Amino acid sequence: MIATLIDTTCGFVGCYCAVPGRVRRAVTLSMTTNFLGQAPAGDTLTAKARRTGGGTSIFFTHCDLVDGKGRLIATGQAVYKYRKGSENPNGIPL
């Protein structure tokens, strides 16, 4: 579950587009997850991701997952490739 949360959060951060109606999609090429702690059952987890680099077709991300007290539970780094249809008419990603 934790790896899926990190993968989803990282993918969304790279596909975000502020223009309404424009949709970008990506597929995961590679992902590394580091488990650093445990969260109590029923605790709220928060994933914070950022895009760390990339170009017009591939992007890189990092994510920290913390529990309700702000303790680091896991980290993840991932690489994604934009899917076809995620670019504007000029072929540039949105």
C-alpha atoms as a PDB file:
ATOM      1  CA  MET A   1       0.000   0.000   0.000  1.00  0.00           C
ATOM      2  CA  ILE A   2       2.797   2.436   0.877  1.00  0.00           C
ATOM      3  CA  ALA A   3       4.629   1.850  -2.414  1.00  0.00           C
ATOM      4  CA  THR A   4       1.380   2.392  -4.340  1.00  0.00           C
ATOM      5  CA  LEU A   5       0.725   5.649  -2.470  1.00  0.00           C
ATOM      6  CA  ILE A   6       4.239   6.892  -3.288  1.00  0.00           C
ATOM      7  CA  ASP A   7       3.934   5.841  -6.945  1.00  0.00           C
ATOM      8  CA  THR A   8       0.552   7.549  -7.347  1.00  0.00           C
ATOM      9  CA  THR A   9       1.626  10.759  -5.624  1.00  0.00           C
ATOM     10  CA  CYS A  10       4.831  11.018  -7.660  1.00  0.00           C
ATOM     11  CA  GLY A  11       2.942  10.373 -10.899  1.00  0.00           C
ATOM     12  CA  PHE A  12       0.352  13.046 -10.129  1.00  0.00           C
ATOM     13  CA  VAL A  13       2.978  15.661  -9.298  1.00  0.00           C
ATOM     14  CA  GLY A  14       4.564  15.190 -12.730  1.00  0.00           C
ATOM     15  CA  CYS A  15       1.249  15.159 -14.592  1.00  0.00           C
ATOM     16  CA  TYR A  16      -0.298  18.211 -12.935  1.00  0.00           C
ATOM     17  CA  CYS A  17      -1.496  20.832 -15.425  1.00  0.00           C
ATOM     18  CA  ALA A  18      -3.042  24.116 -14.271  1.00  0.00           C
ATOM     19  CA  VAL A  19      -5.001  24.530 -17.522  1.00  0.00           C
ATOM     20  CA  PRO A  20      -8.539  23.107 -17.111  1.00  0.00           C
ATOM     21  CA  GLY A  21      -9.378  20.331 -19.557  1.00  0.00           C
ATOM     22  CA  ARG A  22      -5.778  19.430 -20.378  1.00  0.00           C
ATOM     23  CA  VAL A  23      -4.924  15.949 -19.195  1.00  0.00           C
ATOM     24  CA  ARG A  24      -1.456  14.458 -18.987  1.00  0.00           C
ATOM     25  CA  ARG A  25      -0.789  10.788 -18.326  1.00  0.00           C
ATOM     26  CA  ALA A  26       2.392   8.907 -17.561  1.00  0.00           C
ATOM     27  CA  VAL A  27       3.674   5.400 -16.931  1.00  0.00           C
ATOM     28  CA  THR A  28       6.194   4.405 -14.284  1.00  0.00           C
ATOM     29  CA  LEU A  29       9.561   3.394 -15.712  1.00  0.00           C
ATOM     30  CA  SER A  30      11.409   2.860 -12.436  1.00  0.00           C
ATOM     31  CA  MET A  31      10.706   3.281  -8.727  1.00  0.00           C
ATOM     32  CA  THR A  32      12.722   2.818  -5.537  1.00  0.00           C
ATOM     33  CA  THR A  33      11.025   2.755  -2.130  1.00  0.00           C
ATOM     34  CA  ASN A  34      12.775   2.987   1.252  1.00  0.00           C
ATOM     35  CA  PHE A  35      10.801   1.937   4.341  1.00  0.00           C
ATOM     36  CA  LEU A  36      12.041   3.822   7.413  1.00  0.00           C
ATOM     37  CA  GLY A  37       9.384   3.382  10.103  1.00  0.00           C
ATOM     38  CA  GLN A  38       5.939   2.156  11.035  1.00  0.00           C
ATOM     39  CA  ALA A  39       2.680   4.018  11.416  1.00  0.00           C
ATOM     40  CA  PRO A  40       0.099   2.942  13.973  1.00  0.00           C
ATOM     41  CA  ALA A  41      -3.057   1.294  12.614  1.00  0.00           C
ATOM     42  CA  GLY A  42      -5.636   3.925  11.699  1.00  0.00           C
ATOM     43  CA  ASP A  43      -3.074   6.762  11.523  1.00  0.00           C
ATOM     44  CA  THR A  44      -3.281   9.353   8.757  1.00  0.00           C
ATOM     45  CA  LEU A  45      -0.415   9.254   6.270  1.00  0.00           C
ATOM     46  CA  THR A  46       0.601  12.257   4.174  1.00  0.00           C
ATOM     47  CA  ALA A  47       2.600  11.960   0.937  1.00  0.00           C
ATOM     48  CA  LYS A  48       4.532  15.013  -0.258  1.00  0.00           C
ATOM     49  CA  ALA A  49       6.106  14.738  -3.694  1.00  0.00           C
ATOM     50  CA  ARG A  50       8.067  17.027  -5.969  1.00  0.00           C
ATOM     51  CA  ARG A  51       9.353  16.858  -9.504  1.00  0.00           C
ATOM     52  CA  THR A  52      13.149  16.866  -9.391  1.00  0.00           C
ATOM     53  CA  GLY A  53      13.940  17.014 -13.106  1.00  0.00           C
ATOM     54  CA  GLY A  54      13.211  15.752 -16.552  1.00  0.00           C
ATOM     55  CA  GLY A  55      12.510  16.920 -20.040  1.00  0.00           C
ATOM     56  CA  THR A  56       9.788  16.727 -22.650  1.00  0.00           C
ATOM     57  CA  SER A  57       9.115  12.982 -22.411  1.00  0.00           C
ATOM     58  CA  ILE A  58      10.560  11.733 -19.088  1.00  0.00           C
ATOM     59  CA  PHE A  59      10.410  13.227 -15.591  1.00  0.00           C
ATOM     60  CA  PHE A  60      11.947  12.409 -12.196  1.00  0.00           C
ATOM     61  CA  THR A  61      10.280  12.690  -8.777  1.00  0.00           C
ATOM     62  CA  HIS A  62      10.891  12.283  -5.047  1.00  0.00           C
ATOM     63  CA  CYS A  63       8.303  11.609  -2.322  1.00  0.00           C
ATOM     64  CA  ASP A  64       8.334  11.647   1.492  1.00  0.00           C
ATOM     65  CA  LEU A  65       5.599   9.818   3.407  1.00  0.00           C
ATOM     66  CA  VAL A  66       4.976  10.968   6.989  1.00  0.00           C
ATOM     67  CA  ASP A  67       2.602   9.827   9.717  1.00  0.00           C
ATOM     68  CA  GLY A  68       0.164  11.991  11.688  1.00  0.00           C
ATOM     69  CA  LYS A  69       2.956  13.194  14.000  1.00  0.00           C
ATOM     70  CA  GLY A  70       5.224  14.183  11.098  1.00  0.00           C
ATOM     71  CA  ARG A  71       7.583  11.216  11.466  1.00  0.00           C
ATOM     72  CA  LEU A  72       9.123   9.950   8.231  1.00  0.00           C
ATOM     73  CA  ILE A  73       7.692   6.528   7.362  1.00  0.00           C
ATOM     74  CA  ALA A  74       9.016   6.006   3.822  1.00  0.00           C
ATOM     75  CA  THR A  75      10.651   7.742   0.878  1.00  0.00           C
ATOM     76  CA  GLY A  76      10.539   7.018  -2.811  1.00  0.00           C
ATOM     77  CA  GLN A  77      12.157   8.101  -6.051  1.00  0.00           C
ATOM     78  CA  ALA A  78      10.589   7.384  -9.419  1.00  0.00           C
ATOM     79  CA  VAL A  79      11.027   7.950 -13.144  1.00  0.00           C
ATOM     80  CA  TYR A  80       8.029   8.339 -15.475  1.00  0.00           C
ATOM     81  CA  LYS A  81       7.415   8.647 -19.204  1.00  0.00           C
ATOM     82  CA  TYR A  82       4.573  10.768 -20.535  1.00  0.00           C
ATOM     83  CA  ARG A  83       2.060   8.743 -22.556  1.00  0.00           C
ATOM     84  CA  LYS A  84       1.066   9.672 -26.098  1.00  0.00           C
ATOM     85  CA  GLY A  85      -1.719  12.219 -26.152  1.00  0.00           C
ATOM     86  CA  SER A  86      -0.088  14.148 -23.292  1.00  0.00           C
ATOM     87  CA  GLU A  87       1.275  16.847 -25.554  1.00  0.00           C
ATOM     88  CA  ASN A  88      -0.176  19.888 -27.278  1.00  0.00           C
ATOM     89  CA  PRO A  89      -0.616  20.067 -31.095  1.00  0.00           C
ATOM     90  CA  ASN A  90       3.039  21.124 -31.462  1.00  0.00           C
ATOM     91  CA  GLY A  91       4.171  17.883 -29.817  1.00  0.00           C
ATOM     92  CA  ILE A  92       5.340  19.587 -26.611  1.00  0.00           C
ATOM     93  CA  PRO A  93       4.139  18.161 -23.271  1.00  0.00           C
ATOM     94  CA  LEU A  94       1.535  20.324 -21.550  1.00  0.00           C
END
